Amino acid sequence: MKTTIRTARLKAGLAVNRELVLLYWRIGKEILERQSAQGWGAKVIDQLARDLRVEFPDMRGLSPRNMKYMRAFAEAWPEEGFVQQAAAQITWFHNCILLDQVKDG
């Protein structure tokens, strides 16, 4: 029974991680689309961060800084299929490290 519980907890954690990474990719894609339509001067990230924090005050990860990572993430991997198959298998933190390495490299 202990092994069954541990396995279920691990699977649940992986599923949550996968959904969070996909959510962040979708937010990043939306940011790219809004910036394309409205232009950089529209402060899309700042406005979206404010709006989402008002709507979801208990949710973490909706800062402008993190949204810049979401934008970079969606720009680096524009295909949702890749994100579902590969990028969602690692944590958001590790995806951000990869983005920093690509940017610095």
N, C-alpha and C. Protein backbone atom coordinates (compact mmCIF):
# COMPACT_ATOMS: atom_id res chain seq x y z
N MET A 1 0.83 -1.19 0.00
CA MET A 1 0.00 0.00 0.00
C MET A 1 0.87 1.26 0.00
N LYS A 2 1.98 1.24 0.72
CA LYS A 2 2.87 2.42 0.77
C LYS A 2 3.42 2.73 -0.62
N THR A 3 3.80 1.69 -1.34
CA THR A 3 4.32 1.88 -2.69
C THR A 3 3.25 2.44 -3.60
N THR A 4 2.04 1.96 -3.46
CA THR A 4 0.92 2.45 -4.27
C THR A 4 0.68 3.93 -4.01
N ILE A 5 0.72 4.32 -2.76
CA ILE A 5 0.51 5.73 -2.39
C ILE A 5 1.64 6.58 -2.93
N ARG A 6 2.88 6.14 -2.77
CA ARG A 6 4.02 6.90 -3.28
C ARG A 6 3.93 7.06 -4.81
N THR A 7 3.58 6.00 -5.49
CA THR A 7 3.46 6.05 -6.95
C THR A 7 2.37 7.03 -7.36
N ALA A 8 1.23 6.97 -6.70
CA ALA A 8 0.12 7.88 -7.02
C ALA A 8 0.51 9.33 -6.76
N ARG A 9 1.20 9.57 -5.67
CA ARG A 9 1.63 10.94 -5.35
C ARG A 9 2.61 11.45 -6.40
N LEU A 10 3.53 10.61 -6.84
CA LEU A 10 4.49 11.00 -7.86
C LEU A 10 3.78 11.31 -9.18
N LYS A 11 2.85 10.45 -9.57
CA LYS A 11 2.10 10.68 -10.81
C LYS A 11 1.29 11.97 -10.73
N ALA A 12 0.71 12.24 -9.58
CA ALA A 12 -0.07 13.47 -9.41
C ALA A 12 0.83 14.69 -9.52
N GLY A 13 2.00 14.63 -8.90
CA GLY A 13 2.95 15.74 -8.98
C GLY A 13 3.41 15.99 -10.41
N LEU A 14 3.68 14.92 -11.14
CA LEU A 14 4.10 15.06 -12.54
C LEU A 14 2.98 15.65 -13.39
N ALA A 15 1.75 15.23 -13.14
CA ALA A 15 0.61 15.77 -13.89
C ALA A 15 0.43 17.26 -13.60
N VAL A 16 0.57 17.66 -12.35
CA VAL A 16 0.44 19.07 -11.99
C VAL A 16 1.54 19.87 -12.68
N ASN A 17 2.77 19.36 -12.64
CA ASN A 17 3.89 20.05 -13.30
C ASN A 17 3.62 20.21 -14.79
N ARG A 18 3.18 19.14 -15.43
CA ARG A 18 2.91 19.18 -16.87
C ARG A 18 1.86 20.25 -17.20
N GLU A 19 0.79 20.29 -16.42
CA GLU A 19 -0.27 21.28 -16.66
C GLU A 19 0.22 22.70 -16.40
N LEU A 20 1.05 22.89 -15.38
CA LEU A 20 1.58 24.22 -15.09
C LEU A 20 2.48 24.71 -16.22
N VAL A 21 3.36 23.84 -16.71
CA VAL A 21 4.25 24.22 -17.81
C VAL A 21 3.43 24.55 -19.06
N LEU A 22 2.41 23.75 -19.34
CA LEU A 22 1.54 24.04 -20.49
C LEU A 22 0.79 25.36 -20.30
N LEU A 23 0.31 25.61 -19.10
CA LEU A 23 -0.36 26.89 -18.81
C LEU A 23 0.59 28.05 -19.06
N TYR A 24 1.79 27.96 -18.55
CA TYR A 24 2.76 29.03 -18.73
C TYR A 24 3.10 29.22 -20.21
N TRP A 25 3.18 28.13 -20.97
CA TRP A 25 3.43 28.24 -22.41
C TRP A 25 2.27 28.97 -23.09
N ARG A 26 1.05 28.62 -22.71
CA ARG A 26 -0.14 29.25 -23.31
C ARG A 26 -0.20 30.75 -22.97
N ILE A 27 0.15 31.08 -21.74
CA ILE A 27 0.21 32.51 -21.37
C ILE A 27 1.28 33.20 -22.21
N GLY A 28 2.43 32.57 -22.35
CA GLY A 28 3.50 33.15 -23.17
C GLY A 28 3.08 33.35 -24.61
N LYS A 29 2.36 32.38 -25.15
CA LYS A 29 1.87 32.49 -26.54
C LYS A 29 0.88 33.65 -26.65
N GLU A 30 0.01 33.80 -25.67
CA GLU A 30 -0.95 34.91 -25.66
C GLU A 30 -0.22 36.25 -25.58
N ILE A 31 0.83 36.31 -24.78
CA ILE A 31 1.62 37.55 -24.69
C ILE A 31 2.22 37.89 -26.05
N LEU A 32 2.81 36.88 -26.71
CA LEU A 32 3.38 37.12 -28.05
C LEU A 32 2.33 37.64 -29.03
N GLU A 33 1.15 37.04 -29.00
CA GLU A 33 0.08 37.47 -29.90
C GLU A 33 -0.39 38.89 -29.59
N ARG A 34 -0.54 39.19 -28.31
CA ARG A 34 -0.98 40.55 -27.93
C ARG A 34 0.08 41.58 -28.28
N GLN A 35 1.35 41.24 -28.05
CA GLN A 35 2.41 42.19 -28.39
C GLN A 35 2.49 42.41 -29.89
N SER A 36 2.25 41.38 -30.65
CA SER A 36 2.25 41.51 -32.10
C SER A 36 1.12 42.42 -32.56
N ALA A 37 -0.04 42.27 -31.94
CA ALA A 37 -1.21 43.07 -32.33
C ALA A 37 -1.15 44.50 -31.79
N GLN A 38 -0.67 44.65 -30.55
CA GLN A 38 -0.73 45.95 -29.88
C GLN A 38 0.59 46.71 -29.89
N GLY A 39 1.69 46.02 -30.12
CA GLY A 39 3.00 46.65 -30.10
C GLY A 39 3.62 46.62 -28.71
N TRP A 40 4.92 46.82 -28.69
CA TRP A 40 5.66 46.75 -27.42
C TRP A 40 5.25 47.85 -26.45
N GLY A 41 4.91 48.99 -26.94
CA GLY A 41 4.56 50.11 -26.07
C GLY A 41 3.29 49.91 -25.28
N ALA A 42 2.55 48.87 -25.57
CA ALA A 42 1.27 48.64 -24.91
C ALA A 42 1.42 48.08 -23.50
N LYS A 43 2.63 47.74 -23.11
CA LYS A 43 2.88 47.18 -21.76
C LYS A 43 2.01 45.96 -21.50
N VAL A 44 1.98 45.05 -22.46
CA VAL A 44 1.14 43.86 -22.40
C VAL A 44 1.43 43.03 -21.16
N ILE A 45 2.71 42.79 -20.88
CA ILE A 45 3.07 41.94 -19.75
C ILE A 45 2.63 42.57 -18.43
N ASP A 46 2.92 43.83 -18.24
CA ASP A 46 2.55 44.50 -16.98
C ASP A 46 1.04 44.49 -16.77
N GLN A 47 0.29 44.79 -17.83
CA GLN A 47 -1.17 44.82 -17.72
C GLN A 47 -1.73 43.43 -17.44
N LEU A 48 -1.24 42.43 -18.17
CA LEU A 48 -1.71 41.07 -17.96
C LEU A 48 -1.38 40.57 -16.56
N ALA A 49 -0.19 40.88 -16.08
CA ALA A 49 0.20 40.47 -14.72
C ALA A 49 -0.75 41.09 -13.69
N ARG A 50 -1.06 42.37 -13.86
CA ARG A 50 -1.99 43.03 -12.92
C ARG A 50 -3.37 42.37 -12.99
N ASP A 51 -3.87 42.19 -14.19
CA ASP A 51 -5.20 41.61 -14.36
C ASP A 51 -5.30 40.21 -13.75
N LEU A 52 -4.31 39.39 -14.01
CA LEU A 52 -4.35 38.01 -13.49
C LEU A 52 -4.16 37.95 -11.99
N ARG A 53 -3.33 38.84 -11.44
CA ARG A 53 -3.17 38.86 -9.97
C ARG A 53 -4.45 39.29 -9.28
N VAL A 54 -5.21 40.18 -9.90
CA VAL A 54 -6.50 40.60 -9.33
C VAL A 54 -7.48 39.43 -9.38
N GLU A 55 -7.52 38.74 -10.50
CA GLU A 55 -8.46 37.64 -10.68
C GLU A 55 -8.08 36.40 -9.86
N PHE A 56 -6.77 36.16 -9.71
CA PHE A 56 -6.27 34.97 -9.00
C PHE A 56 -5.27 35.40 -7.93
N PRO A 57 -5.73 36.05 -6.87
CA PRO A 57 -4.80 36.62 -5.88
C PRO A 57 -3.96 35.58 -5.13
N ASP A 58 -4.43 34.36 -5.04
CA ASP A 58 -3.68 33.34 -4.31
C ASP A 58 -2.71 32.57 -5.18
N MET A 59 -2.73 32.82 -6.47
CA MET A 59 -1.87 32.08 -7.39
C MET A 59 -0.50 32.73 -7.48
N ARG A 60 0.51 31.90 -7.35
CA ARG A 60 1.88 32.38 -7.49
C ARG A 60 2.31 32.23 -8.95
N GLY A 61 3.37 32.94 -9.33
CA GLY A 61 3.94 32.78 -10.66
C GLY A 61 3.40 33.73 -11.70
N LEU A 62 2.62 34.72 -11.31
CA LEU A 62 2.03 35.63 -12.26
C LEU A 62 2.70 37.01 -12.26
N SER A 63 3.95 37.05 -11.84
CA SER A 63 4.69 38.30 -11.81
C SER A 63 5.13 38.69 -13.22
N PRO A 64 5.37 39.97 -13.45
CA PRO A 64 5.89 40.37 -14.77
C PRO A 64 7.19 39.65 -15.12
N ARG A 65 8.04 39.45 -14.15
CA ARG A 65 9.32 38.76 -14.40
C ARG A 65 9.07 37.34 -14.92
N ASN A 66 8.18 36.61 -14.25
CA ASN A 66 7.89 35.25 -14.67
C ASN A 66 7.18 35.25 -16.03
N MET A 67 6.36 36.26 -16.27
CA MET A 67 5.68 36.33 -17.57
C MET A 67 6.66 36.60 -18.70
N LYS A 68 7.75 37.27 -18.41
CA LYS A 68 8.79 37.44 -19.43
C LYS A 68 9.40 36.09 -19.77
N TYR A 69 9.56 35.23 -18.77
CA TYR A 69 10.01 33.86 -19.04
C TYR A 69 8.97 33.10 -19.87
N MET A 70 7.71 33.28 -19.54
CA MET A 70 6.65 32.61 -20.30
C MET A 70 6.70 33.02 -21.76
N ARG A 71 6.90 34.30 -22.00
CA ARG A 71 6.99 34.81 -23.37
C ARG A 71 8.19 34.19 -24.07
N ALA A 72 9.34 34.20 -23.41
CA ALA A 72 10.56 33.62 -24.00
C ALA A 72 10.39 32.13 -24.25
N PHE A 73 9.69 31.45 -23.34
CA PHE A 73 9.44 30.02 -23.46
C PHE A 73 8.60 29.73 -24.72
N ALA A 74 7.53 30.49 -24.90
CA ALA A 74 6.66 30.30 -26.07
C ALA A 74 7.39 30.69 -27.35
N GLU A 75 8.26 31.66 -27.26
CA GLU A 75 9.02 32.08 -28.44
C GLU A 75 10.07 31.03 -28.81
N ALA A 76 10.71 30.44 -27.80
CA ALA A 76 11.75 29.44 -28.04
C ALA A 76 11.18 28.13 -28.57
N TRP A 77 10.00 27.75 -28.08
CA TRP A 77 9.35 26.50 -28.47
C TRP A 77 7.94 26.81 -28.94
N PRO A 78 7.78 27.24 -30.21
CA PRO A 78 6.48 27.69 -30.69
C PRO A 78 5.45 26.58 -30.92
N GLU A 79 5.87 25.34 -30.93
CA GLU A 79 4.94 24.24 -31.18
C GLU A 79 4.46 23.62 -29.87
N GLU A 80 3.16 23.64 -29.65
CA GLU A 80 2.60 23.08 -28.42
C GLU A 80 2.93 21.59 -28.29
N GLY A 81 2.99 20.89 -29.40
CA GLY A 81 3.31 19.46 -29.36
C GLY A 81 4.66 19.19 -28.71
N PHE A 82 5.66 20.03 -29.03
CA PHE A 82 6.97 19.87 -28.41
C PHE A 82 6.89 20.12 -26.92
N VAL A 83 6.16 21.14 -26.55
CA VAL A 83 6.03 21.48 -25.13
C VAL A 83 5.38 20.32 -24.38
N GLN A 84 4.32 19.75 -24.95
CA GLN A 84 3.64 18.63 -24.31
C GLN A 84 4.55 17.42 -24.19
N GLN A 85 5.34 17.15 -25.22
CA GLN A 85 6.15 15.93 -25.25
C GLN A 85 7.45 16.06 -24.47
N ALA A 86 8.10 17.20 -24.55
CA ALA A 86 9.44 17.32 -23.96
C ALA A 86 9.52 18.33 -22.82
N ALA A 87 9.19 19.57 -23.10
CA ALA A 87 9.40 20.62 -22.11
C ALA A 87 8.55 20.43 -20.86
N ALA A 88 7.37 19.85 -20.99
CA ALA A 88 6.50 19.66 -19.83
C ALA A 88 6.96 18.50 -18.94
N GLN A 89 8.00 17.81 -19.37
CA GLN A 89 8.50 16.69 -18.57
C GLN A 89 9.48 17.16 -17.50
N ILE A 90 9.91 18.42 -17.59
CA ILE A 90 10.79 18.98 -16.56
C ILE A 90 10.08 20.14 -15.89
N THR A 91 10.58 20.55 -14.75
CA THR A 91 9.91 21.61 -13.99
C THR A 91 10.04 22.96 -14.68
N TRP A 92 9.17 23.87 -14.30
CA TRP A 92 9.23 25.22 -14.82
C TRP A 92 10.59 25.85 -14.51
N PHE A 93 11.08 25.64 -13.32
CA PHE A 93 12.38 26.17 -12.90
C PHE A 93 13.47 25.72 -13.87
N HIS A 94 13.47 24.44 -14.21
CA HIS A 94 14.49 23.91 -15.12
C HIS A 94 14.30 24.44 -16.54
N ASN A 95 13.08 24.65 -16.95
CA ASN A 95 12.85 25.29 -18.26
C ASN A 95 13.41 26.70 -18.27
N CYS A 96 13.24 27.42 -17.17
CA CYS A 96 13.79 28.78 -17.08
C CYS A 96 15.31 28.77 -17.14
N ILE A 97 15.93 27.80 -16.49
CA ILE A 97 17.39 27.67 -16.56
C ILE A 97 17.83 27.44 -18.00
N LEU A 98 17.11 26.57 -18.71
CA LEU A 98 17.44 26.33 -20.12
C LEU A 98 17.31 27.61 -20.94
N LEU A 99 16.26 28.38 -20.69
CA LEU A 99 16.07 29.64 -21.41
C LEU A 99 17.22 30.58 -21.15
N ASP A 100 17.65 30.66 -19.89
CA ASP A 100 18.79 31.53 -19.56
C ASP A 100 20.06 31.06 -20.26
N GLN A 101 20.27 29.75 -20.32
CA GLN A 101 21.47 29.21 -20.97
C GLN A 101 21.45 29.49 -22.48
N VAL A 102 20.29 29.35 -23.09
CA VAL A 102 20.17 29.61 -24.53
C VAL A 102 20.41 31.10 -24.80
N LYS A 103 19.83 31.94 -23.95
CA LYS A 103 19.97 33.38 -24.11
C LYS A 103 21.44 33.82 -23.93
N ASP A 104 22.11 33.22 -22.94
CA ASP A 104 23.49 33.60 -22.64
C ASP A 104 24.49 32.95 -23.58
N GLY A 105 24.06 31.84 -24.24
CA GLY A 105 24.99 31.06 -25.05
C GLY A 105 25.22 31.58 -26.37
